[in-house]
Amino acid sequence: MIARHQTILFIVLLAASIAMGVGLWRQLDRAHQRLLKGVDSTPTQAPQVAPAERATLLVASDADNSLLAQVQTLPIPQDPGARARLVLGKLLDLYAAPDAAHPVPGGAKSIAQVFLMPAPNLAANPAKPGLAEPQPTASELAVVNLTGSFAANHPSGLETESLTVLSICGTLHANLPGVTQVRFIVDGQPRATLAGHADLTRTYLAADTVPSEGVHP
């Protein structure tokens, strides 16, 4: 026969166990409710897609050493730096295509960055078209950072290198009219030439590279 004091102790322990269980259950329930409140039930928004716009590319042709303006519809971002990098990437993608009129390997990944900044006052140098000398008006300077692999694999020759440089300058100016001056660096560092000929130590006037003839879609 169980002693009375043992029965009382058993009842007390049982009641304590039940109370602890109820308390633990309530704590878990409150924690669960807090967790649910912290979860954002709003559906995840899809990333914004840049609106499609008409972009003008100054495409080089080795057949007659010319630049031909082509219009393409591209999803162009509003940020000027991103816009510059996108249109130049598309231009270099055209050069990397198998049937390119100005074949240059590398494509869009050859544009590491494009920096835009207030430019020094420059004017055209009549003796050296496409180059610059001091002038009284201000403009915006684009610094195009090319990759080392692009420069290393670019076909060597004054005409082919110059076409690449001038087409980049013209494409920048056509899509960002405020960009009137362009400088080039390679892997973030100054470089004497693109592939042995085209001068990369100069500041180019982008407006001088835009052809006067009409734009061809």
N, C-alpha and C. Protein backbone atom coordinates (compact mmCIF):
# COMPACT_ATOMS: atom_id res chain seq x y z
N MET A 1 0.85 -1.18 0.00
CA MET A 1 0.00 0.00 0.00
C MET A 1 0.90 1.24 0.00
N ILE A 2 0.56 2.24 -0.90
CA ILE A 2 1.37 3.45 -1.04
C ILE A 2 1.09 4.37 0.13
N ALA A 3 2.16 4.88 0.69
CA ALA A 3 2.00 5.78 1.83
C ALA A 3 1.36 7.08 1.37
N ARG A 4 0.70 7.76 2.34
CA ARG A 4 -0.03 8.98 2.00
C ARG A 4 0.92 10.07 1.49
N HIS A 5 2.08 10.18 2.14
CA HIS A 5 3.00 11.25 1.74
C HIS A 5 3.56 11.01 0.34
N GLN A 6 3.69 9.73 -0.06
CA GLN A 6 4.15 9.41 -1.41
C GLN A 6 3.09 9.78 -2.45
N THR A 7 1.82 9.54 -2.06
CA THR A 7 0.71 9.90 -2.97
C THR A 7 0.67 11.40 -3.18
N ILE A 8 0.83 12.14 -2.10
CA ILE A 8 0.81 13.60 -2.20
C ILE A 8 1.97 14.09 -3.06
N LEU A 9 3.16 13.48 -2.87
CA LEU A 9 4.32 13.87 -3.64
C LEU A 9 4.12 13.58 -5.12
N PHE A 10 3.52 12.42 -5.41
CA PHE A 10 3.25 12.05 -6.80
C PHE A 10 2.31 13.05 -7.46
N ILE A 11 1.25 13.43 -6.69
CA ILE A 11 0.27 14.37 -7.24
C ILE A 11 0.93 15.73 -7.51
N VAL A 12 1.77 16.15 -6.56
CA VAL A 12 2.44 17.44 -6.74
C VAL A 12 3.37 17.42 -7.96
N LEU A 13 4.12 16.33 -8.10
CA LEU A 13 5.04 16.22 -9.25
C LEU A 13 4.26 16.18 -10.57
N LEU A 14 3.12 15.45 -10.55
CA LEU A 14 2.31 15.36 -11.76
C LEU A 14 1.76 16.73 -12.14
N ALA A 15 1.27 17.46 -11.12
CA ALA A 15 0.73 18.79 -11.39
C ALA A 15 1.82 19.73 -11.92
N ALA A 16 3.03 19.59 -11.33
CA ALA A 16 4.13 20.44 -11.78
C ALA A 16 4.53 20.12 -13.23
N SER A 17 4.51 18.82 -13.55
CA SER A 17 4.85 18.41 -14.91
C SER A 17 3.84 18.95 -15.92
N ILE A 18 2.54 18.86 -15.52
CA ILE A 18 1.49 19.37 -16.41
C ILE A 18 1.64 20.87 -16.60
N ALA A 19 1.91 21.59 -15.50
CA ALA A 19 2.07 23.05 -15.58
C ALA A 19 3.26 23.43 -16.46
N MET A 20 4.37 22.69 -16.30
CA MET A 20 5.55 22.96 -17.11
C MET A 20 5.27 22.68 -18.59
N GLY A 21 4.52 21.60 -18.85
CA GLY A 21 4.19 21.27 -20.23
C GLY A 21 3.33 22.34 -20.87
N VAL A 22 2.33 22.81 -20.10
CA VAL A 22 1.47 23.87 -20.63
C VAL A 22 2.27 25.14 -20.88
N GLY A 23 3.15 25.49 -19.94
CA GLY A 23 3.97 26.68 -20.11
C GLY A 23 4.89 26.59 -21.31
N LEU A 24 5.50 25.40 -21.50
CA LEU A 24 6.38 25.20 -22.64
C LEU A 24 5.61 25.30 -23.95
N TRP A 25 4.40 24.71 -23.95
CA TRP A 25 3.58 24.76 -25.17
C TRP A 25 3.22 26.20 -25.51
N ARG A 26 2.89 27.01 -24.50
CA ARG A 26 2.54 28.41 -24.74
C ARG A 26 3.75 29.20 -25.27
N GLN A 27 4.93 28.92 -24.74
CA GLN A 27 6.12 29.60 -25.22
C GLN A 27 6.42 29.25 -26.68
N LEU A 28 6.25 27.97 -27.00
CA LEU A 28 6.46 27.55 -28.39
C LEU A 28 5.44 28.19 -29.32
N ASP A 29 4.20 28.29 -28.85
CA ASP A 29 3.15 28.89 -29.67
C ASP A 29 3.44 30.37 -29.92
N ARG A 30 3.89 31.09 -28.87
CA ARG A 30 4.22 32.51 -29.04
C ARG A 30 5.40 32.70 -29.99
N ALA A 31 6.39 31.83 -29.86
CA ALA A 31 7.54 31.91 -30.75
C ALA A 31 7.13 31.66 -32.21
N HIS A 32 6.22 30.72 -32.38
CA HIS A 32 5.73 30.41 -33.72
C HIS A 32 4.98 31.60 -34.30
N GLN A 33 4.16 32.26 -33.48
CA GLN A 33 3.41 33.42 -33.95
C GLN A 33 4.34 34.57 -34.32
N ARG A 34 5.39 34.78 -33.51
CA ARG A 34 6.35 35.82 -33.84
C ARG A 34 7.07 35.51 -35.14
N LEU A 35 7.36 34.24 -35.36
CA LEU A 35 8.02 33.83 -36.60
C LEU A 35 7.14 34.11 -37.81
N LEU A 36 5.84 33.80 -37.65
CA LEU A 36 4.92 34.04 -38.76
C LEU A 36 4.78 35.52 -39.06
N LYS A 37 4.76 36.35 -38.01
CA LYS A 37 4.65 37.79 -38.22
C LYS A 37 5.88 38.36 -38.91
N GLY A 38 7.04 37.71 -38.68
CA GLY A 38 8.27 38.21 -39.28
C GLY A 38 8.43 37.82 -40.72
N VAL A 39 7.62 36.89 -41.22
CA VAL A 39 7.72 36.45 -42.61
C VAL A 39 6.94 37.39 -43.50
N ASP A 40 7.59 37.91 -44.56
CA ASP A 40 6.91 38.79 -45.51
C ASP A 40 6.12 37.92 -46.48
N SER A 41 4.79 38.04 -46.38
CA SER A 41 3.93 37.22 -47.24
C SER A 41 3.75 37.83 -48.63
N THR A 42 4.34 39.02 -48.88
CA THR A 42 4.22 39.65 -50.19
C THR A 42 5.01 38.87 -51.22
N PRO A 43 4.42 38.55 -52.36
CA PRO A 43 5.15 37.79 -53.38
C PRO A 43 6.42 38.53 -53.80
N THR A 44 7.47 37.78 -54.07
CA THR A 44 8.72 38.38 -54.51
C THR A 44 8.53 39.07 -55.85
N GLN A 45 8.98 40.34 -55.93
CA GLN A 45 8.81 41.09 -57.16
C GLN A 45 9.84 40.65 -58.19
N ALA A 46 9.40 40.59 -59.43
CA ALA A 46 10.32 40.24 -60.50
C ALA A 46 11.29 41.40 -60.73
N PRO A 47 12.53 41.11 -61.10
CA PRO A 47 13.48 42.19 -61.35
C PRO A 47 13.00 43.09 -62.47
N GLN A 48 13.26 44.39 -62.30
CA GLN A 48 12.84 45.34 -63.31
C GLN A 48 13.65 45.16 -64.58
N VAL A 49 12.96 45.19 -65.70
CA VAL A 49 13.59 45.05 -67.00
C VAL A 49 13.69 46.43 -67.63
N ALA A 50 14.88 46.79 -68.10
CA ALA A 50 15.06 48.10 -68.71
C ALA A 50 14.19 48.21 -69.95
N PRO A 51 13.57 49.37 -70.15
CA PRO A 51 12.71 49.54 -71.33
C PRO A 51 13.53 49.51 -72.61
N ALA A 52 12.92 49.01 -73.66
CA ALA A 52 13.60 48.94 -74.95
C ALA A 52 13.64 50.33 -75.57
N GLU A 53 14.80 50.71 -76.06
CA GLU A 53 14.98 52.01 -76.71
C GLU A 53 15.81 51.82 -77.98
N ARG A 54 15.73 52.83 -78.84
CA ARG A 54 16.54 52.84 -80.05
C ARG A 54 17.95 53.31 -79.71
N ALA A 55 18.92 52.49 -80.06
CA ALA A 55 20.32 52.83 -79.82
C ALA A 55 21.05 52.90 -81.17
N THR A 56 21.93 53.87 -81.29
CA THR A 56 22.70 54.04 -82.52
C THR A 56 24.12 53.53 -82.30
N LEU A 57 24.52 52.58 -83.14
CA LEU A 57 25.87 52.01 -83.09
C LEU A 57 26.65 52.46 -84.31
N LEU A 58 27.85 52.95 -84.10
CA LEU A 58 28.72 53.32 -85.21
C LEU A 58 29.60 52.12 -85.54
N VAL A 59 29.20 51.37 -86.54
CA VAL A 59 29.81 50.07 -86.85
C VAL A 59 30.88 50.25 -87.93
N ALA A 60 32.05 49.74 -87.66
CA ALA A 60 33.17 49.86 -88.59
C ALA A 60 33.10 48.81 -89.69
N SER A 61 33.61 49.17 -90.84
CA SER A 61 33.71 48.24 -91.96
C SER A 61 35.12 48.28 -92.52
N ASP A 62 35.77 47.12 -92.57
CA ASP A 62 37.13 47.05 -93.10
C ASP A 62 37.16 47.17 -94.62
N ALA A 63 36.02 46.95 -95.28
CA ALA A 63 35.99 46.97 -96.74
C ALA A 63 36.36 48.34 -97.29
N ASP A 64 35.84 49.42 -96.64
CA ASP A 64 36.13 50.76 -97.12
C ASP A 64 36.60 51.69 -95.99
N ASN A 65 37.00 51.08 -94.86
CA ASN A 65 37.49 51.86 -93.70
C ASN A 65 36.50 52.96 -93.30
N SER A 66 35.23 52.58 -93.17
CA SER A 66 34.19 53.55 -92.86
C SER A 66 33.48 53.17 -91.57
N LEU A 67 32.69 54.12 -91.06
CA LEU A 67 31.81 53.89 -89.94
C LEU A 67 30.38 54.08 -90.43
N LEU A 68 29.56 53.07 -90.23
CA LEU A 68 28.16 53.12 -90.66
C LEU A 68 27.27 53.12 -89.44
N ALA A 69 26.38 54.13 -89.35
CA ALA A 69 25.47 54.22 -88.21
C ALA A 69 24.33 53.23 -88.38
N GLN A 70 24.14 52.37 -87.39
CA GLN A 70 23.05 51.40 -87.39
C GLN A 70 22.19 51.61 -86.15
N VAL A 71 20.88 51.51 -86.33
CA VAL A 71 19.95 51.67 -85.21
C VAL A 71 19.45 50.30 -84.79
N GLN A 72 19.52 50.01 -83.50
CA GLN A 72 19.02 48.76 -82.95
C GLN A 72 18.16 49.08 -81.73
N THR A 73 17.20 48.22 -81.45
CA THR A 73 16.36 48.36 -80.28
C THR A 73 16.91 47.48 -79.17
N LEU A 74 17.30 48.11 -78.07
CA LEU A 74 17.96 47.40 -76.97
C LEU A 74 17.31 47.78 -75.64
N PRO A 75 17.35 46.88 -74.65
CA PRO A 75 16.88 47.23 -73.30
C PRO A 75 17.95 48.08 -72.60
N ILE A 76 17.81 49.38 -72.69
CA ILE A 76 18.87 50.29 -72.22
C ILE A 76 18.56 50.81 -70.82
N PRO A 77 19.44 50.62 -69.86
CA PRO A 77 19.21 51.14 -68.51
C PRO A 77 19.32 52.66 -68.47
N GLN A 78 18.76 53.26 -67.42
CA GLN A 78 18.78 54.72 -67.31
C GLN A 78 20.11 55.25 -66.80
N ASP A 79 20.81 54.46 -66.00
CA ASP A 79 22.10 54.91 -65.49
C ASP A 79 23.07 55.14 -66.65
N PRO A 80 23.65 56.34 -66.75
CA PRO A 80 24.52 56.64 -67.90
C PRO A 80 25.70 55.69 -68.05
N GLY A 81 26.35 55.33 -66.93
CA GLY A 81 27.48 54.42 -67.03
C GLY A 81 27.07 53.05 -67.54
N ALA A 82 25.95 52.54 -67.01
CA ALA A 82 25.45 51.24 -67.46
C ALA A 82 25.00 51.31 -68.91
N ARG A 83 24.39 52.43 -69.29
CA ARG A 83 23.97 52.61 -70.69
C ARG A 83 25.17 52.58 -71.62
N ALA A 84 26.23 53.29 -71.24
CA ALA A 84 27.43 53.33 -72.08
C ALA A 84 28.03 51.94 -72.23
N ARG A 85 28.10 51.21 -71.13
CA ARG A 85 28.71 49.87 -71.19
C ARG A 85 27.86 48.93 -72.05
N LEU A 86 26.53 49.07 -71.97
CA LEU A 86 25.67 48.16 -72.74
C LEU A 86 25.81 48.39 -74.23
N VAL A 87 25.76 49.66 -74.67
CA VAL A 87 25.82 49.91 -76.11
C VAL A 87 27.20 49.55 -76.66
N LEU A 88 28.25 49.78 -75.88
CA LEU A 88 29.59 49.38 -76.35
C LEU A 88 29.72 47.87 -76.39
N GLY A 89 29.11 47.20 -75.41
CA GLY A 89 29.12 45.74 -75.42
C GLY A 89 28.43 45.18 -76.65
N LYS A 90 27.31 45.79 -77.02
CA LYS A 90 26.60 45.35 -78.24
C LYS A 90 27.45 45.60 -79.47
N LEU A 91 28.13 46.73 -79.51
CA LEU A 91 29.01 47.03 -80.65
C LEU A 91 30.10 45.98 -80.78
N LEU A 92 30.74 45.63 -79.67
CA LEU A 92 31.82 44.63 -79.73
C LEU A 92 31.29 43.23 -79.99
N ASP A 93 30.03 42.97 -79.60
CA ASP A 93 29.41 41.69 -79.96
C ASP A 93 29.28 41.57 -81.48
N LEU A 94 28.95 42.69 -82.14
CA LEU A 94 28.86 42.67 -83.61
C LEU A 94 30.21 42.37 -84.22
N TYR A 95 31.28 42.91 -83.64
CA TYR A 95 32.62 42.67 -84.17
C TYR A 95 33.07 41.23 -83.93
N ALA A 96 32.53 40.60 -82.89
CA ALA A 96 32.93 39.22 -82.57
C ALA A 96 32.11 38.19 -83.35
N ALA A 97 31.08 38.64 -84.09
CA ALA A 97 30.24 37.72 -84.85
C ALA A 97 31.02 37.12 -86.03
N PRO A 98 30.68 35.90 -86.46
CA PRO A 98 31.43 35.24 -87.54
C PRO A 98 31.43 36.02 -88.85
N ASP A 99 30.35 36.76 -89.12
CA ASP A 99 30.26 37.48 -90.40
C ASP A 99 30.53 38.97 -90.24
N ALA A 100 31.30 39.36 -89.23
CA ALA A 100 31.53 40.76 -88.94
C ALA A 100 32.28 41.46 -90.08
N ALA A 101 31.86 42.70 -90.35
CA ALA A 101 32.55 43.51 -91.35
C ALA A 101 33.86 44.06 -90.80
N HIS A 102 33.99 44.03 -89.49
CA HIS A 102 35.22 44.48 -88.82
C HIS A 102 35.51 43.45 -87.72
N PRO A 103 36.07 42.29 -88.09
CA PRO A 103 36.22 41.20 -87.12
C PRO A 103 37.24 41.48 -86.03
N VAL A 104 36.76 41.47 -84.79
CA VAL A 104 37.61 41.65 -83.61
C VAL A 104 37.09 40.71 -82.53
N PRO A 105 37.90 39.81 -82.00
CA PRO A 105 37.40 38.89 -80.97
C PRO A 105 37.22 39.59 -79.63
N GLY A 106 36.37 38.99 -78.81
CA GLY A 106 36.21 39.49 -77.44
C GLY A 106 34.77 39.71 -77.04
N GLY A 107 34.03 40.49 -77.83
CA GLY A 107 32.63 40.73 -77.52
C GLY A 107 32.42 41.66 -76.32
N ALA A 108 31.21 41.62 -75.77
CA ALA A 108 30.81 42.55 -74.73
C ALA A 108 31.68 42.48 -73.48
N LYS A 109 32.20 41.30 -73.18
CA LYS A 109 33.01 41.15 -71.97
C LYS A 109 34.33 41.90 -72.05
N SER A 110 34.64 42.45 -73.22
CA SER A 110 35.88 43.21 -73.39
C SER A 110 35.79 44.60 -72.79
N ILE A 111 34.56 45.06 -72.47
CA ILE A 111 34.37 46.35 -71.82
C ILE A 111 34.30 46.10 -70.32
N ALA A 112 35.38 46.41 -69.61
CA ALA A 112 35.40 46.18 -68.17
C ALA A 112 34.55 47.21 -67.44
N GLN A 113 34.77 48.47 -67.71
CA GLN A 113 33.97 49.56 -67.13
C GLN A 113 33.98 50.74 -68.08
N VAL A 114 32.99 51.63 -67.86
CA VAL A 114 32.98 52.94 -68.52
C VAL A 114 32.74 53.97 -67.42
N PHE A 115 33.70 54.87 -67.23
CA PHE A 115 33.58 55.90 -66.21
C PHE A 115 33.22 57.22 -66.89
N LEU A 116 32.24 57.93 -66.33
CA LEU A 116 31.84 59.24 -66.84
C LEU A 116 32.16 60.29 -65.79
N MET A 117 32.74 61.40 -66.24
CA MET A 117 33.15 62.44 -65.30
C MET A 117 33.24 63.78 -66.02
N PRO A 118 33.23 64.88 -65.27
CA PRO A 118 33.44 66.19 -65.91
C PRO A 118 34.78 66.20 -66.63
N ALA A 119 34.78 66.80 -67.79
CA ALA A 119 35.99 66.76 -68.62
C ALA A 119 36.71 68.09 -68.62
N PRO A 120 38.00 68.06 -68.89
CA PRO A 120 38.72 69.31 -69.10
C PRO A 120 38.23 69.99 -70.37
N ASN A 121 38.48 71.27 -70.50
CA ASN A 121 38.04 72.02 -71.67
C ASN A 121 38.96 71.71 -72.85
N LEU A 122 38.36 71.13 -73.89
CA LEU A 122 39.15 70.71 -75.06
C LEU A 122 38.48 71.16 -76.34
N ALA A 123 39.27 71.28 -77.38
CA ALA A 123 38.76 71.62 -78.71
C ALA A 123 39.47 70.79 -79.75
N ALA A 124 38.90 70.73 -80.94
CA ALA A 124 39.48 69.93 -82.01
C ALA A 124 40.83 70.50 -82.44
N ASN A 125 41.73 69.60 -82.76
CA ASN A 125 43.02 69.98 -83.30
C ASN A 125 42.98 69.80 -84.81
N PRO A 126 42.94 70.88 -85.61
CA PRO A 126 42.79 70.74 -87.07
C PRO A 126 43.87 69.88 -87.69
N ALA A 127 45.04 69.88 -87.10
CA ALA A 127 46.15 69.10 -87.69
C ALA A 127 46.02 67.62 -87.43
N LYS A 128 45.24 67.28 -86.37
CA LYS A 128 45.10 65.87 -85.99
C LYS A 128 43.63 65.58 -85.71
N PRO A 129 42.82 65.29 -86.74
CA PRO A 129 41.40 65.01 -86.52
C PRO A 129 41.19 63.88 -85.53
N GLY A 130 40.21 64.07 -84.66
CA GLY A 130 39.91 63.05 -83.67
C GLY A 130 40.68 63.22 -82.39
N LEU A 131 41.69 64.14 -82.38
CA LEU A 131 42.45 64.41 -81.18
C LEU A 131 41.98 65.73 -80.60
N ALA A 132 42.63 66.19 -79.53
CA ALA A 132 42.09 67.34 -78.83
C ALA A 132 43.18 68.26 -78.31
N GLU A 133 42.80 69.54 -78.10
CA GLU A 133 43.64 70.53 -77.47
C GLU A 133 42.75 71.45 -76.66
N PRO A 134 43.29 72.31 -75.75
CA PRO A 134 42.44 73.12 -74.88
C PRO A 134 41.44 73.97 -75.64
N GLN A 135 40.23 74.12 -75.07
CA GLN A 135 39.18 74.94 -75.62
C GLN A 135 38.37 75.54 -74.46
N PRO A 136 37.53 76.54 -74.73
CA PRO A 136 36.83 77.23 -73.64
C PRO A 136 35.55 76.55 -73.16
N THR A 137 35.07 75.53 -73.82
CA THR A 137 33.80 74.93 -73.43
C THR A 137 34.03 73.62 -72.69
N ALA A 138 33.14 73.35 -71.70
CA ALA A 138 33.25 72.13 -70.92
C ALA A 138 32.48 71.00 -71.58
N SER A 139 32.84 69.78 -71.29
CA SER A 139 32.15 68.61 -71.83
C SER A 139 32.31 67.47 -70.86
N GLU A 140 31.70 66.32 -71.20
CA GLU A 140 31.79 65.14 -70.35
C GLU A 140 32.80 64.17 -70.93
N LEU A 141 33.61 63.62 -70.07
CA LEU A 141 34.67 62.68 -70.47
C LEU A 141 34.26 61.26 -70.11
N ALA A 142 34.39 60.36 -71.08
CA ALA A 142 34.17 58.94 -70.83
C ALA A 142 35.52 58.25 -70.84
N VAL A 143 35.80 57.50 -69.79
CA VAL A 143 37.02 56.70 -69.72
C VAL A 143 36.61 55.25 -69.91
N VAL A 144 37.04 54.67 -71.02
CA VAL A 144 36.67 53.30 -71.37
C VAL A 144 37.79 52.36 -70.93
N ASN A 145 37.46 51.46 -70.02
CA ASN A 145 38.43 50.50 -69.51
C ASN A 145 38.27 49.19 -70.27
N LEU A 146 39.20 48.91 -71.17
CA LEU A 146 39.18 47.67 -71.94
C LEU A 146 39.93 46.58 -71.20
N THR A 147 39.61 45.34 -71.50
CA THR A 147 40.32 44.23 -70.87
C THR A 147 41.64 43.97 -71.59
N GLY A 148 42.59 43.43 -70.85
CA GLY A 148 43.87 43.12 -71.44
C GLY A 148 43.77 42.08 -72.53
N SER A 149 42.86 41.13 -72.38
CA SER A 149 42.71 40.08 -73.41
C SER A 149 42.20 40.67 -74.72
N PHE A 150 41.33 41.70 -74.63
CA PHE A 150 40.83 42.35 -75.85
C PHE A 150 41.99 43.00 -76.60
N ALA A 151 42.82 43.76 -75.87
CA ALA A 151 43.95 44.41 -76.51
C ALA A 151 44.95 43.39 -77.06
N ALA A 152 45.17 42.32 -76.31
CA ALA A 152 46.15 41.31 -76.74
C ALA A 152 45.71 40.58 -78.00
N ASN A 153 44.39 40.41 -78.18
CA ASN A 153 43.88 39.64 -79.32
C ASN A 153 43.38 40.51 -80.46
N HIS A 154 43.47 41.83 -80.31
CA HIS A 154 42.98 42.71 -81.37
C HIS A 154 43.91 42.63 -82.57
N PRO A 155 43.37 42.54 -83.78
CA PRO A 155 44.23 42.54 -84.97
C PRO A 155 45.10 43.79 -85.03
N SER A 156 46.34 43.61 -85.37
CA SER A 156 47.28 44.72 -85.42
C SER A 156 47.23 45.43 -86.76
N GLY A 157 47.34 46.75 -86.74
CA GLY A 157 47.31 47.54 -87.96
C GLY A 157 46.70 48.90 -87.66
N LEU A 158 47.24 49.94 -88.25
CA LEU A 158 46.77 51.29 -87.95
C LEU A 158 45.30 51.47 -88.31
N GLU A 159 44.90 51.01 -89.47
CA GLU A 159 43.53 51.24 -89.91
C GLU A 159 42.54 50.46 -89.07
N THR A 160 42.79 49.17 -88.83
CA THR A 160 41.83 48.36 -88.08
C THR A 160 41.74 48.80 -86.62
N GLU A 161 42.86 49.18 -86.02
CA GLU A 161 42.83 49.66 -84.64
C GLU A 161 42.11 51.00 -84.55
N SER A 162 42.39 51.89 -85.50
CA SER A 162 41.75 53.20 -85.49
C SER A 162 40.24 53.09 -85.66
N LEU A 163 39.80 52.16 -86.51
CA LEU A 163 38.37 51.97 -86.70
C LEU A 163 37.70 51.54 -85.40
N THR A 164 38.35 50.65 -84.66
CA THR A 164 37.78 50.21 -83.39
C THR A 164 37.66 51.38 -82.42
N VAL A 165 38.73 52.15 -82.28
CA VAL A 165 38.74 53.28 -81.35
C VAL A 165 37.69 54.31 -81.74
N LEU A 166 37.65 54.67 -83.02
CA LEU A 166 36.72 55.71 -83.46
C LEU A 166 35.27 55.24 -83.39
N SER A 167 35.04 53.96 -83.65
CA SER A 167 33.66 53.46 -83.56
C SER A 167 33.17 53.46 -82.12
N ILE A 168 34.05 53.20 -81.17
CA ILE A 168 33.68 53.27 -79.76
C ILE A 168 33.36 54.71 -79.37
N CYS A 169 34.19 55.64 -79.80
CA CYS A 169 33.96 57.05 -79.50
C CYS A 169 32.64 57.53 -80.10
N GLY A 170 32.41 57.19 -81.37
CA GLY A 170 31.19 57.62 -82.04
C GLY A 170 29.94 57.03 -81.44
N THR A 171 30.01 55.76 -81.03
CA THR A 171 28.85 55.11 -80.42
C THR A 171 28.52 55.74 -79.07
N LEU A 172 29.53 56.08 -78.31
CA LEU A 172 29.29 56.76 -77.03
C LEU A 172 28.60 58.09 -77.25
N HIS A 173 29.09 58.88 -78.19
CA HIS A 173 28.53 60.20 -78.42
C HIS A 173 27.11 60.11 -78.99
N ALA A 174 26.86 59.12 -79.84
CA ALA A 174 25.54 58.98 -80.46
C ALA A 174 24.46 58.66 -79.43
N ASN A 175 24.82 57.94 -78.38
CA ASN A 175 23.84 57.52 -77.38
C ASN A 175 23.88 58.36 -76.11
N LEU A 176 24.99 59.02 -75.88
CA LEU A 176 25.14 59.94 -74.74
C LEU A 176 25.76 61.22 -75.28
N PRO A 177 24.93 62.12 -75.83
CA PRO A 177 25.46 63.32 -76.50
C PRO A 177 26.35 64.18 -75.59
N GLY A 178 26.16 64.07 -74.28
CA GLY A 178 27.02 64.83 -73.38
C GLY A 178 28.45 64.35 -73.37
N VAL A 179 28.67 63.13 -73.83
CA VAL A 179 30.04 62.59 -73.91
C VAL A 179 30.68 63.11 -75.19
N THR A 180 31.58 64.03 -75.05
CA THR A 180 32.27 64.58 -76.22
C THR A 180 33.76 64.26 -76.23
N GLN A 181 34.24 63.69 -75.14
CA GLN A 181 35.65 63.32 -75.06
C GLN A 181 35.76 61.89 -74.54
N VAL A 182 36.74 61.17 -75.07
CA VAL A 182 36.92 59.76 -74.70
C VAL A 182 38.40 59.47 -74.50
N ARG A 183 38.70 58.78 -73.42
CA ARG A 183 40.05 58.26 -73.20
C ARG A 183 39.96 56.75 -72.98
N PHE A 184 41.08 56.07 -73.20
CA PHE A 184 41.11 54.62 -73.09
C PHE A 184 42.18 54.19 -72.09
N ILE A 185 41.83 53.19 -71.30
CA ILE A 185 42.79 52.50 -70.45
C ILE A 185 42.59 51.00 -70.67
N VAL A 186 43.56 50.22 -70.25
CA VAL A 186 43.49 48.75 -70.42
C VAL A 186 43.79 48.11 -69.07
N ASP A 187 42.85 47.32 -68.59
CA ASP A 187 42.98 46.71 -67.26
C ASP A 187 43.25 47.77 -66.19
N GLY A 188 42.63 48.93 -66.36
CA GLY A 188 42.75 49.99 -65.37
C GLY A 188 44.03 50.79 -65.43
N GLN A 189 44.86 50.54 -66.44
CA GLN A 189 46.16 51.20 -66.52
C GLN A 189 46.31 51.90 -67.88
N PRO A 190 47.08 53.01 -67.92
CA PRO A 190 47.36 53.64 -69.21
C PRO A 190 48.09 52.67 -70.13
N ARG A 191 47.87 52.83 -71.42
CA ARG A 191 48.52 51.97 -72.41
C ARG A 191 48.86 52.83 -73.62
N ALA A 192 50.02 52.59 -74.20
CA ALA A 192 50.48 53.44 -75.30
C ALA A 192 49.62 53.27 -76.55
N THR A 193 49.36 52.03 -76.95
CA THR A 193 48.59 51.76 -78.17
C THR A 193 47.61 50.62 -77.90
N LEU A 194 46.66 50.47 -78.83
CA LEU A 194 45.72 49.36 -78.69
C LEU A 194 46.39 48.03 -79.02
N ALA A 195 46.97 47.94 -80.22
CA ALA A 195 47.67 46.71 -80.60
C ALA A 195 48.93 47.05 -81.39
N GLY A 196 49.56 48.17 -80.99
CA GLY A 196 50.80 48.56 -81.63
C GLY A 196 50.72 49.80 -82.49
N HIS A 197 49.50 50.32 -82.74
CA HIS A 197 49.38 51.45 -83.65
C HIS A 197 48.46 52.56 -83.13
N ALA A 198 47.19 52.28 -82.90
CA ALA A 198 46.24 53.32 -82.50
C ALA A 198 46.64 53.90 -81.15
N ASP A 199 46.79 55.22 -81.10
CA ASP A 199 47.29 55.92 -79.92
C ASP A 199 46.23 55.95 -78.82
N LEU A 200 46.55 55.37 -77.67
CA LEU A 200 45.64 55.39 -76.52
C LEU A 200 46.07 56.39 -75.45
N THR A 201 47.10 57.18 -75.75
CA THR A 201 47.53 58.19 -74.78
C THR A 201 46.80 59.51 -75.00
N ARG A 202 46.04 59.63 -76.09
CA ARG A 202 45.36 60.87 -76.46
C ARG A 202 43.93 60.90 -75.92
N THR A 203 43.39 62.11 -75.85
CA THR A 203 41.96 62.29 -75.61
C THR A 203 41.29 62.48 -76.96
N TYR A 204 40.30 61.65 -77.26
CA TYR A 204 39.60 61.71 -78.55
C TYR A 204 38.34 62.56 -78.42
N LEU A 205 38.05 63.33 -79.47
CA LEU A 205 36.80 64.07 -79.53
C LEU A 205 35.76 63.20 -80.21
N ALA A 206 34.77 62.76 -79.44
CA ALA A 206 33.81 61.79 -79.94
C ALA A 206 32.97 62.34 -81.08
N ALA A 207 32.63 63.63 -81.02
CA ALA A 207 31.76 64.20 -82.05
C ALA A 207 32.40 64.14 -83.43
N ASP A 208 33.73 64.17 -83.50
CA ASP A 208 34.42 64.15 -84.79
C ASP A 208 34.35 62.79 -85.46
N THR A 209 33.93 61.75 -84.74
CA THR A 209 33.90 60.41 -85.32
C THR A 209 32.53 60.04 -85.86
N VAL A 210 31.50 60.87 -85.63
CA VAL A 210 30.16 60.55 -86.10
C VAL A 210 30.05 60.87 -87.58
N PRO A 211 29.68 59.90 -88.41
CA PRO A 211 29.59 60.16 -89.87
C PRO A 211 28.46 61.13 -90.19
N SER A 212 28.66 61.93 -91.24
CA SER A 212 27.65 62.92 -91.61
C SER A 212 26.49 62.31 -92.37
N GLU A 213 26.68 61.12 -92.96
CA GLU A 213 25.60 60.50 -93.73
C GLU A 213 24.52 59.98 -92.80
N GLY A 214 23.39 59.61 -93.38
CA GLY A 214 22.23 59.20 -92.61
C GLY A 214 22.44 57.93 -91.82
N VAL A 215 21.53 57.69 -90.92
CA VAL A 215 21.56 56.49 -90.07
C VAL A 215 20.80 55.38 -90.78
N HIS A 216 21.40 54.18 -90.79
CA HIS A 216 20.76 53.06 -91.47
C HIS A 216 20.32 52.01 -90.46
N PRO A 217 19.01 51.69 -90.40
CA PRO A 217 18.55 50.67 -89.42
C PRO A 217 19.01 49.29 -89.82
